[in-house]
Amino acid sequence: MSALTQSHARQAELGSPDKLKVAIGSAVGTTIENYDFLAYGTAAALYFGTAFFPGQDPVAATLLAFATLAVGFAMRPLGGLIGGYLGDKYGRKPVLVGALLVMGAATFLIGVLPTYQQVGVLAPILLVAIRIIQGLAFGAEWGGAIMMTFEHAPWRQRGRYTGIPQAGVPLGLLLANLVFLATTGWNNEWSWRVPFLASSVLIIAGIIIRMKVSESPEFEETKAKGELVKNPLLTVIKNDWRTILRVIGLRLAESGGFYVIVTYLLSYIVANKLVDRQTGLTGLVLAAAIGVVATILWGRLTDSIGRRKLYIIGTAGIILFGFPMFLMVNTGVPFLVILVYIIGLPILHDMLAGSQGAWFSELFPANTRTSGASIGYQFSAAISGFIPLIAAATAAAWGWSGVAIVYMACGAIGLIAALVTRETWGKRERASVDELIAAGK
């Protein structure tokens, strides 16, 4: 057996020595990303209208605050394009470190921003500028984090390892709710400043971990073989545009469904006085805590049964759950409301999130992998950013049934995308890797 084949066999069986360190360091970034989304959304709803847009009608001020949230979403596809290009051309590690550094600095700066009362119109201008920077960094972050984790992991456990950074979704949700619950009663500007400043702890830890890990072994091999392409962005769009569209559809089921439950459902529950806000938040916190573990377990399950099969089950579940979700919530029974969050998040949503890291990575060749997966992932995020607005509009026209249909439509798009996307870790692929490992012993 050649030395190269033996090296592949070792990588397939054991992964790199840095595999766990990379996975944990990557999870920090995805945790901050989701922490920031929820922290910023809560701050925009409760505090930013008066802090940065005073003098406006209260409703207009809140809308302007939410507009700054949308700016971050709009920038994510551009960040994905930049991060993907740099990751495929110069390496995953520089993107992994650089994106977190920029993202962390921007998040911290929101916590120390002067308000309108202090510097006038400069305050909202600075807020928008920082959101633009955050959006670019967030867009670049996911691709570098997932690719590094995927390419350091043992081939037979790539679902399990990429599930670790994907667990940053429920972990960010959990931390954001806990921090805002802790600061709600302060009744001063520190109520919104502390949640952003607190993220610096995670950022520092993440940068320290990421600086110490080695570059992706697959990128190094691709570079050594001279297989890096001159422009990975144009190459992947030319060769794999259909796959990119499939990834957008696949992710829309996950992210669109997430925003319906996390952003719309709580406001619906409170506005209709079905249960108190505390019950809704309890459901969110409990579901997020379960989801941290569930996401990793779902990823691990794909190593045994394949990525596509689990995704089909999850998207079908979303379609079936649309109307029962609201029927359960409308009872006003606290247990059923909490159960909705547990079914909708750690079961259905995290089933999809836990599958994505490995599946999306395996759909593209190593020399354009970061670009392809990042474009699909971040363009879908930009589209999903409008889901709460769409949900609110359909609710105004058709009530809760309209929102249920929006939720089901996200699942249907994901199901169609899953059915037309190839399996990358089926029985044949698993058997081939087992043969390679056996031959290397």
Protein backbone atom coordinates (compact mmCIF):
# COMPACT_ATOMS: atom_id res chain seq x y z
CA MET A 1 0.00 0.00 0.00
CA SER A 2 1.31 3.49 -0.88
CA ALA A 3 2.20 5.99 1.82
CA LEU A 4 -0.57 8.28 0.54
CA THR A 5 -3.21 5.57 0.86
CA GLN A 6 -1.95 4.70 4.36
CA SER A 7 -2.22 8.38 5.28
CA HIS A 8 -5.80 8.45 4.01
CA ALA A 9 -6.60 5.32 6.01
CA ARG A 10 -5.26 6.90 9.21
CA GLN A 11 -7.18 10.10 8.58
CA ALA A 12 -10.34 8.13 7.80
CA GLU A 13 -10.12 6.14 11.02
CA LEU A 14 -8.61 8.58 13.52
CA GLY A 15 -8.89 12.07 12.09
CA SER A 16 -6.30 14.68 13.06
CA PRO A 17 -4.93 15.17 16.59
CA ASP A 18 -6.68 18.56 16.68
CA LYS A 19 -10.14 17.24 15.76
CA LEU A 20 -11.87 17.88 19.09
CA LYS A 21 -10.11 21.19 19.69
CA VAL A 22 -11.18 22.37 16.23
CA ALA A 23 -14.78 21.30 16.81
CA ILE A 24 -15.00 23.14 20.14
CA GLY A 25 -13.29 26.24 18.78
CA SER A 26 -15.70 26.23 15.85
CA ALA A 27 -18.69 25.87 18.17
CA VAL A 28 -17.74 29.12 19.89
CA GLY A 29 -18.31 31.05 16.68
CA THR A 30 -21.69 29.50 15.89
CA THR A 31 -22.74 30.06 19.51
CA ILE A 32 -21.87 33.76 19.32
CA GLU A 33 -23.63 34.08 15.97
CA ASN A 34 -26.91 32.79 17.35
CA TYR A 35 -26.43 34.52 20.70
CA ASP A 36 -25.99 37.82 18.86
CA PHE A 37 -29.06 37.34 16.69
CA LEU A 38 -31.31 36.82 19.71
CA ALA A 39 -29.56 39.41 21.87
CA TYR A 40 -29.78 42.00 19.12
CA GLY A 41 -33.39 41.14 18.31
CA THR A 42 -34.42 41.48 21.96
CA ALA A 43 -32.44 44.71 22.37
CA ALA A 44 -33.98 46.12 19.18
CA ALA A 45 -37.48 45.31 20.40
CA LEU A 46 -37.05 46.62 23.96
CA TYR A 47 -34.27 49.21 24.05
CA PHE A 48 -32.78 50.40 20.76
CA GLY A 49 -35.80 52.44 19.66
CA THR A 50 -35.34 54.93 22.50
CA ALA A 51 -31.55 54.63 22.75
CA PHE A 52 -30.75 55.27 19.07
CA PHE A 53 -33.92 56.64 17.42
CA PRO A 54 -35.60 58.96 19.97
CA GLY A 55 -38.05 61.60 18.82
CA GLN A 56 -39.68 59.17 16.44
CA ASP A 57 -43.10 57.65 16.89
CA PRO A 58 -42.52 54.63 19.18
CA VAL A 59 -43.62 52.20 16.46
CA ALA A 60 -41.41 53.90 13.86
CA ALA A 61 -38.48 53.86 16.28
CA THR A 62 -38.88 50.12 16.82
CA LEU A 63 -39.13 49.52 13.08
CA LEU A 64 -35.92 51.49 12.54
CA ALA A 65 -34.23 49.42 15.23
CA PHE A 66 -35.34 46.23 13.47
CA ALA A 67 -34.11 47.64 10.17
CA THR A 68 -30.59 47.60 11.60
CA LEU A 69 -31.13 43.92 12.38
CA ALA A 70 -32.05 43.32 8.74
CA VAL A 71 -28.84 45.05 7.59
CA GLY A 72 -26.81 42.30 9.27
CA PHE A 73 -28.83 39.62 7.45
CA ALA A 74 -28.37 41.39 4.12
CA MET A 75 -24.60 41.38 4.53
CA ARG A 76 -24.29 37.67 5.31
CA PRO A 77 -24.30 36.42 1.70
CA LEU A 78 -21.49 38.85 0.86
CA GLY A 79 -19.59 37.63 3.91
CA GLY A 80 -20.15 34.05 2.76
CA LEU A 81 -18.77 34.88 -0.68
CA ILE A 82 -15.67 36.55 0.78
CA GLY A 83 -15.06 33.93 3.46
CA GLY A 84 -15.61 31.04 1.05
CA TYR A 85 -13.22 32.50 -1.52
CA LEU A 86 -10.49 33.12 1.06
CA GLY A 87 -10.99 29.73 2.71
CA ASP A 88 -10.60 27.81 -0.55
CA LYS A 89 -7.71 29.92 -1.83
CA TYR A 90 -5.61 30.65 1.27
CA GLY A 91 -6.77 28.16 3.91
CA ARG A 92 -9.55 27.48 6.40
CA LYS A 93 -7.63 28.57 9.50
CA PRO A 94 -7.09 32.25 8.57
CA VAL A 95 -10.81 32.59 7.91
CA LEU A 96 -11.64 30.74 11.13
CA VAL A 97 -9.51 33.11 13.23
CA GLY A 98 -10.13 36.31 11.31
CA ALA A 99 -13.92 36.02 11.15
CA LEU A 100 -14.22 35.44 14.90
CA LEU A 101 -11.86 38.32 15.67
CA VAL A 102 -13.86 40.76 13.54
CA MET A 103 -17.18 39.41 14.74
CA GLY A 104 -16.11 39.62 18.37
CA ALA A 105 -14.84 43.19 18.07
CA ALA A 106 -18.09 44.30 16.42
CA THR A 107 -20.30 42.59 19.02
CA PHE A 108 -18.28 44.13 21.87
CA LEU A 109 -18.50 47.60 20.28
CA ILE A 110 -22.30 47.47 20.33
CA GLY A 111 -22.05 47.14 24.10
CA VAL A 112 -20.06 50.39 24.40
CA LEU A 113 -21.81 52.45 21.70
CA PRO A 114 -22.81 55.99 22.69
CA THR A 115 -26.56 56.62 22.52
CA TYR A 116 -28.45 59.31 20.60
CA GLN A 117 -28.61 61.46 23.74
CA GLN A 118 -24.81 61.41 23.91
CA VAL A 119 -23.68 61.97 20.30
CA GLY A 120 -26.83 62.65 18.31
CA VAL A 121 -27.30 61.24 14.81
CA LEU A 122 -23.81 59.69 14.89
CA ALA A 123 -25.18 56.97 17.24
CA PRO A 124 -27.54 55.26 14.74
CA ILE A 125 -24.94 55.68 11.98
CA LEU A 126 -22.37 53.83 14.09
CA LEU A 127 -24.93 51.14 14.94
CA VAL A 128 -25.67 50.48 11.27
CA ALA A 129 -21.95 50.46 10.40
CA ILE A 130 -21.23 47.87 13.09
CA ARG A 131 -24.14 45.72 11.95
CA ILE A 132 -22.68 45.72 8.44
CA ILE A 133 -19.34 44.52 9.81
CA GLN A 134 -21.07 41.88 11.93
CA GLY A 135 -23.04 40.60 8.97
CA LEU A 136 -19.90 40.23 6.87
CA ALA A 137 -18.06 38.41 9.68
CA PHE A 138 -21.01 36.13 10.43
CA GLY A 139 -21.30 35.25 6.76
CA ALA A 140 -17.64 34.25 6.63
CA GLU A 141 -17.66 32.46 9.99
CA TRP A 142 -19.82 29.40 9.35
CA GLY A 143 -18.00 28.08 6.28
CA GLY A 144 -14.55 28.24 7.86
CA ALA A 145 -15.76 26.70 11.12
CA ILE A 146 -17.64 23.80 9.54
CA MET A 147 -14.97 23.01 6.94
CA MET A 148 -12.18 22.92 9.52
CA THR A 149 -14.24 20.63 11.76
CA PHE A 150 -15.30 18.40 8.87
CA GLU A 151 -11.80 18.04 7.42
CA HIS A 152 -10.11 17.34 10.76
CA ALA A 153 -12.68 14.71 11.79
CA PRO A 154 -12.47 10.92 11.26
CA TRP A 155 -14.36 10.12 8.08
CA ARG A 156 -16.73 7.75 9.83
CA GLN A 157 -17.58 10.35 12.50
CA ARG A 158 -17.93 13.53 10.46
CA GLY A 159 -21.62 13.86 11.31
CA ARG A 160 -20.85 13.65 15.01
CA TYR A 161 -18.00 16.18 14.90
CA THR A 162 -19.75 18.73 12.66
CA GLY A 163 -22.74 18.43 14.99
CA ILE A 164 -20.62 20.09 17.70
CA PRO A 165 -20.38 23.53 16.00
CA GLN A 166 -23.99 23.16 14.85
CA ALA A 167 -24.92 22.80 18.54
CA GLY A 168 -23.95 26.46 18.79
CA VAL A 169 -27.47 27.25 17.47
CA PRO A 170 -29.36 26.03 20.58
CA LEU A 171 -26.48 27.03 22.87
CA GLY A 172 -26.59 30.61 21.60
CA LEU A 173 -30.38 30.58 22.05
CA LEU A 174 -29.99 29.30 25.61
CA LEU A 175 -27.32 31.82 26.65
CA ALA A 176 -29.12 34.81 25.14
CA ASN A 177 -32.35 34.01 26.96
CA LEU A 178 -30.56 33.43 30.25
CA VAL A 179 -28.59 36.69 30.05
CA PHE A 180 -31.62 38.81 29.15
CA LEU A 181 -33.67 37.14 31.86
CA ALA A 182 -30.94 38.12 34.32
CA THR A 183 -30.79 41.78 33.21
CA THR A 184 -34.48 42.47 32.52
CA GLY A 185 -35.15 44.08 35.90
CA TRP A 186 -32.24 46.53 35.86
CA ASN A 187 -34.26 49.30 34.19
CA ASN A 188 -31.24 51.13 32.77
CA GLU A 189 -29.03 50.98 29.70
CA TRP A 190 -26.89 48.23 31.25
CA SER A 191 -29.84 45.93 30.60
CA TRP A 192 -28.83 45.85 26.93
CA ARG A 193 -25.12 46.65 27.21
CA VAL A 194 -24.18 43.71 29.46
CA PRO A 195 -25.44 40.96 27.09
CA PHE A 196 -23.18 42.26 24.30
CA LEU A 197 -20.19 42.83 26.57
CA ALA A 198 -20.62 39.35 28.08
CA SER A 199 -20.00 37.75 24.69
CA SER A 200 -16.34 38.83 24.95
CA VAL A 201 -15.70 35.86 27.26
CA LEU A 202 -16.67 33.40 24.53
CA ILE A 203 -14.82 35.38 21.87
CA ILE A 204 -11.52 35.39 23.76
CA ALA A 205 -11.80 31.65 24.48
CA GLY A 206 -12.60 30.93 20.85
CA ILE A 207 -9.68 32.92 19.48
CA ILE A 208 -7.22 31.26 21.88
CA ILE A 209 -8.44 27.79 20.82
CA ARG A 210 -8.46 28.62 17.11
CA MET A 211 -4.96 30.09 17.10
CA LYS A 212 -3.59 26.80 18.43
CA VAL A 213 -5.12 24.43 15.86
CA SER A 214 -3.43 23.27 12.68
CA GLU A 215 -4.64 23.99 9.14
CA SER A 216 -7.11 21.61 7.56
CA PRO A 217 -5.34 18.42 6.39
CA GLU A 218 -7.51 18.26 3.26
CA PHE A 219 -6.66 21.84 2.30
CA GLU A 220 -2.96 21.12 2.83
CA GLU A 221 -3.23 18.00 0.64
CA THR A 222 -5.13 19.87 -2.07
CA LYS A 223 -2.50 22.61 -2.01
CA ALA A 224 0.37 20.10 -2.14
CA LYS A 225 -1.17 18.42 -5.18
CA GLY A 226 -1.49 21.77 -6.95
CA GLU A 227 -5.28 21.40 -7.14
CA LEU A 228 -6.22 24.80 -5.73
CA VAL A 229 -8.23 26.73 -8.30
CA LYS A 230 -7.50 30.32 -9.31
CA ASN A 231 -10.99 31.57 -8.48
CA PRO A 232 -12.92 29.08 -6.33
CA LEU A 233 -15.97 31.32 -6.24
CA LEU A 234 -16.46 31.44 -10.00
CA THR A 235 -15.52 27.77 -10.31
CA VAL A 236 -18.12 26.53 -7.85
CA ILE A 237 -20.84 28.75 -9.32
CA LYS A 238 -20.02 27.47 -12.82
CA ASN A 239 -19.73 23.79 -11.90
CA ASP A 240 -22.07 23.38 -8.93
CA TRP A 241 -24.75 26.07 -9.14
CA ARG A 242 -27.46 23.42 -9.00
CA THR A 243 -26.02 22.05 -5.77
CA ILE A 244 -25.87 25.57 -4.32
CA LEU A 245 -29.59 26.00 -5.06
CA ARG A 246 -30.28 22.67 -3.38
CA VAL A 247 -28.38 23.78 -0.27
CA ILE A 248 -30.42 26.99 -0.16
CA GLY A 249 -33.61 24.92 -0.26
CA LEU A 250 -32.36 22.45 2.32
CA ARG A 251 -31.41 25.15 4.76
CA LEU A 252 -34.60 27.16 4.29
CA ALA A 253 -36.53 24.40 6.05
CA GLU A 254 -34.21 24.62 9.05
CA SER A 255 -33.71 28.38 9.36
CA GLY A 256 -37.19 29.43 8.24
CA GLY A 257 -38.83 27.06 10.67
CA PHE A 258 -36.49 28.22 13.43
CA TYR A 259 -37.46 31.88 13.05
CA VAL A 260 -41.18 31.08 13.06
CA ILE A 261 -40.85 29.31 16.40
CA VAL A 262 -38.23 31.51 18.08
CA THR A 263 -39.27 34.98 16.92
CA TYR A 264 -42.98 34.78 16.03
CA LEU A 265 -44.46 32.14 18.32
CA LEU A 266 -43.46 33.86 21.58
CA SER A 267 -45.00 37.17 20.51
CA TYR A 268 -48.16 35.30 19.41
CA ILE A 269 -48.45 33.54 22.76
CA VAL A 270 -48.01 36.76 24.76
CA ALA A 271 -50.18 38.95 22.53
CA ASN A 272 -53.09 36.50 22.77
CA LYS A 273 -52.54 35.94 26.51
CA LEU A 274 -52.44 32.17 26.05
CA VAL A 275 -49.81 31.77 28.75
CA ASP A 276 -47.54 34.27 30.46
CA ARG A 277 -44.20 35.33 28.98
CA GLN A 278 -42.36 33.35 31.66
CA THR A 279 -43.90 30.08 30.44
CA GLY A 280 -42.92 30.83 26.86
CA LEU A 281 -39.35 31.68 27.88
CA THR A 282 -39.21 28.52 29.99
CA GLY A 283 -40.14 26.49 26.94
CA LEU A 284 -37.44 28.21 24.88
CA VAL A 285 -34.75 27.74 27.52
CA LEU A 286 -35.65 24.09 28.13
CA ALA A 287 -35.77 23.32 24.41
CA ALA A 288 -32.43 25.06 23.85
CA ALA A 289 -30.78 23.14 26.69
CA ILE A 290 -31.99 19.82 25.26
CA GLY A 291 -30.97 20.95 21.78
CA VAL A 292 -27.29 21.37 22.66
CA VAL A 293 -27.05 17.61 23.18
CA ALA A 294 -29.69 16.66 20.60
CA THR A 295 -27.88 18.39 17.71
CA ILE A 296 -24.72 16.38 18.31
CA LEU A 297 -26.71 13.16 18.64
CA TRP A 298 -28.57 13.83 15.38
CA GLY A 299 -25.25 14.44 13.64
CA ARG A 300 -23.92 11.21 15.09
CA LEU A 301 -27.00 9.33 13.83
CA THR A 302 -26.26 10.44 10.25
CA ASP A 303 -22.94 8.61 10.51
CA SER A 304 -24.95 5.40 10.88
CA ILE A 305 -27.93 5.88 8.56
CA GLY A 306 -26.85 8.63 6.14
CA ARG A 307 -27.51 12.36 5.88
CA ARG A 308 -30.38 12.42 3.37
CA LYS A 309 -32.65 9.96 5.15
CA LEU A 310 -32.67 11.93 8.38
CA TYR A 311 -33.25 15.19 6.52
CA ILE A 312 -36.28 13.76 4.73
CA ILE A 313 -37.74 12.65 8.07
CA GLY A 314 -37.13 16.08 9.62
CA THR A 315 -38.63 18.12 6.78
CA ALA A 316 -41.66 15.83 6.59
CA GLY A 317 -42.06 16.34 10.34
CA ILE A 318 -42.14 20.12 9.87
CA ILE A 319 -44.91 19.81 7.29
CA LEU A 320 -46.96 17.58 9.60
CA PHE A 321 -46.37 19.76 12.68
CA GLY A 322 -47.54 23.12 11.24
CA PHE A 323 -51.18 23.01 12.33
CA PRO A 324 -50.79 20.82 15.46
CA MET A 325 -48.20 23.33 16.72
CA PHE A 326 -50.78 26.13 16.87
CA LEU A 327 -53.62 23.89 18.01
CA MET A 328 -51.49 22.86 20.99
CA VAL A 329 -50.47 26.45 21.78
CA ASN A 330 -54.06 27.70 21.47
CA THR A 331 -55.16 25.45 24.35
CA GLY A 332 -53.27 27.74 26.72
CA VAL A 333 -52.07 24.70 28.67
CA PRO A 334 -48.50 25.46 29.86
CA PHE A 335 -47.32 21.86 29.43
CA LEU A 336 -48.48 21.76 25.81
CA VAL A 337 -46.88 25.13 25.05
CA ILE A 338 -43.56 23.91 26.41
CA LEU A 339 -43.99 20.63 24.49
CA VAL A 340 -44.39 22.63 21.25
CA TYR A 341 -40.97 24.17 21.78
CA ILE A 342 -39.41 20.79 22.53
CA ILE A 343 -40.89 19.18 19.39
CA GLY A 344 -40.19 22.17 17.17
CA LEU A 345 -36.60 22.86 18.25
CA PRO A 346 -34.53 19.92 19.64
CA ILE A 347 -36.47 17.34 17.65
CA LEU A 348 -37.37 18.83 14.25
CA HIS A 349 -35.07 21.82 13.88
CA ASP A 350 -31.99 20.24 15.40
CA MET A 351 -32.49 17.07 13.36
CA LEU A 352 -31.84 19.22 10.30
CA ALA A 353 -29.10 21.35 11.83
CA GLY A 354 -27.23 18.25 13.03
CA SER A 355 -27.27 16.82 9.50
CA GLN A 356 -26.11 19.92 7.65
CA GLY A 357 -22.44 20.24 8.57
CA ALA A 358 -21.36 16.93 7.09
CA TRP A 359 -23.89 16.78 4.24
CA PHE A 360 -23.27 20.26 2.87
CA SER A 361 -19.50 19.72 3.06
CA GLU A 362 -19.65 16.39 1.24
CA LEU A 363 -21.64 17.87 -1.63
CA PHE A 364 -18.64 19.90 -2.89
CA PRO A 365 -15.02 19.02 -3.83
CA ALA A 366 -12.27 20.10 -1.43
CA ASN A 367 -10.96 22.94 -3.62
CA THR A 368 -14.35 24.76 -3.73
CA ARG A 369 -16.00 23.30 -0.63
CA THR A 370 -15.97 26.39 1.59
CA SER A 371 -17.25 28.63 -1.20
CA GLY A 372 -20.07 26.31 -2.26
CA ALA A 373 -21.38 25.50 1.21
CA SER A 374 -21.03 29.10 2.43
CA ILE A 375 -22.91 30.60 -0.52
CA GLY A 376 -25.84 28.22 -0.10
CA TYR A 377 -25.94 28.53 3.68
CA GLN A 378 -25.71 32.33 3.86
CA PHE A 379 -28.05 33.15 0.98
CA SER A 380 -30.64 31.01 2.70
CA ALA A 381 -30.00 32.90 5.95
CA ALA A 382 -30.67 36.20 4.15
CA ILE A 383 -33.96 34.85 2.80
CA SER A 384 -34.94 33.42 6.19
CA GLY A 385 -34.39 36.83 7.78
CA PHE A 386 -37.67 37.87 6.15
CA ILE A 387 -39.62 34.91 7.54
CA PRO A 388 -40.78 36.73 10.73
CA LEU A 389 -42.03 39.61 8.56
CA ILE A 390 -43.81 37.18 6.21
CA ALA A 391 -45.30 35.38 9.21
CA ALA A 392 -46.61 38.64 10.67
CA ALA A 393 -48.12 39.64 7.31
CA THR A 394 -49.89 36.30 6.81
CA ALA A 395 -51.14 36.40 10.41
CA ALA A 396 -52.73 39.79 9.73
CA ALA A 397 -54.52 38.35 6.71
CA TRP A 398 -55.41 34.80 7.79
CA GLY A 399 -54.61 34.52 11.48
CA TRP A 400 -52.49 31.74 12.95
CA SER A 401 -53.35 29.35 10.10
CA GLY A 402 -51.41 31.61 7.73
CA VAL A 403 -48.30 31.31 9.89
CA ALA A 404 -48.75 27.54 10.07
CA ILE A 405 -48.78 27.46 6.26
CA VAL A 406 -45.57 29.55 6.12
CA TYR A 407 -43.94 27.07 8.49
CA MET A 408 -45.16 24.11 6.43
CA ALA A 409 -44.01 25.76 3.20
CA CYS A 410 -40.47 26.01 4.58
CA GLY A 411 -40.60 22.30 5.35
CA ALA A 412 -41.97 21.49 1.89
CA ILE A 413 -39.16 23.40 0.17
CA GLY A 414 -36.64 21.51 2.28
CA LEU A 415 -38.28 18.16 1.56
CA ILE A 416 -38.22 18.75 -2.19
CA ALA A 417 -34.58 19.81 -1.98
CA ALA A 418 -33.72 16.69 0.03
CA LEU A 419 -35.42 14.42 -2.50
CA VAL A 420 -33.42 15.89 -5.40
CA THR A 421 -30.07 15.98 -3.53
CA ARG A 422 -27.78 12.98 -3.63
CA GLU A 423 -26.89 10.97 -0.54
CA THR A 424 -23.22 11.44 0.33
CA TRP A 425 -22.92 8.91 3.15
CA GLY A 426 -25.02 5.93 2.17
CA LYS A 427 -24.19 2.24 2.50
CA ARG A 428 -21.83 2.32 -0.47
CA GLU A 429 -19.80 5.26 0.83
CA ARG A 430 -19.61 3.81 4.33
CA ALA A 431 -18.45 0.45 2.95
CA SER A 432 -15.75 2.13 0.81
CA VAL A 433 -14.32 3.93 3.83
CA ASP A 434 -14.40 0.74 5.90
CA GLU A 435 -12.46 -1.03 3.15
CA LEU A 436 -9.88 1.76 3.05
CA ILE A 437 -9.39 1.59 6.82
CA ALA A 438 -9.13 -2.20 6.77
CA ALA A 439 -6.56 -2.08 3.96
CA GLY A 440 -4.43 0.40 5.88
CA LYS A 441 -4.05 -1.89 8.90
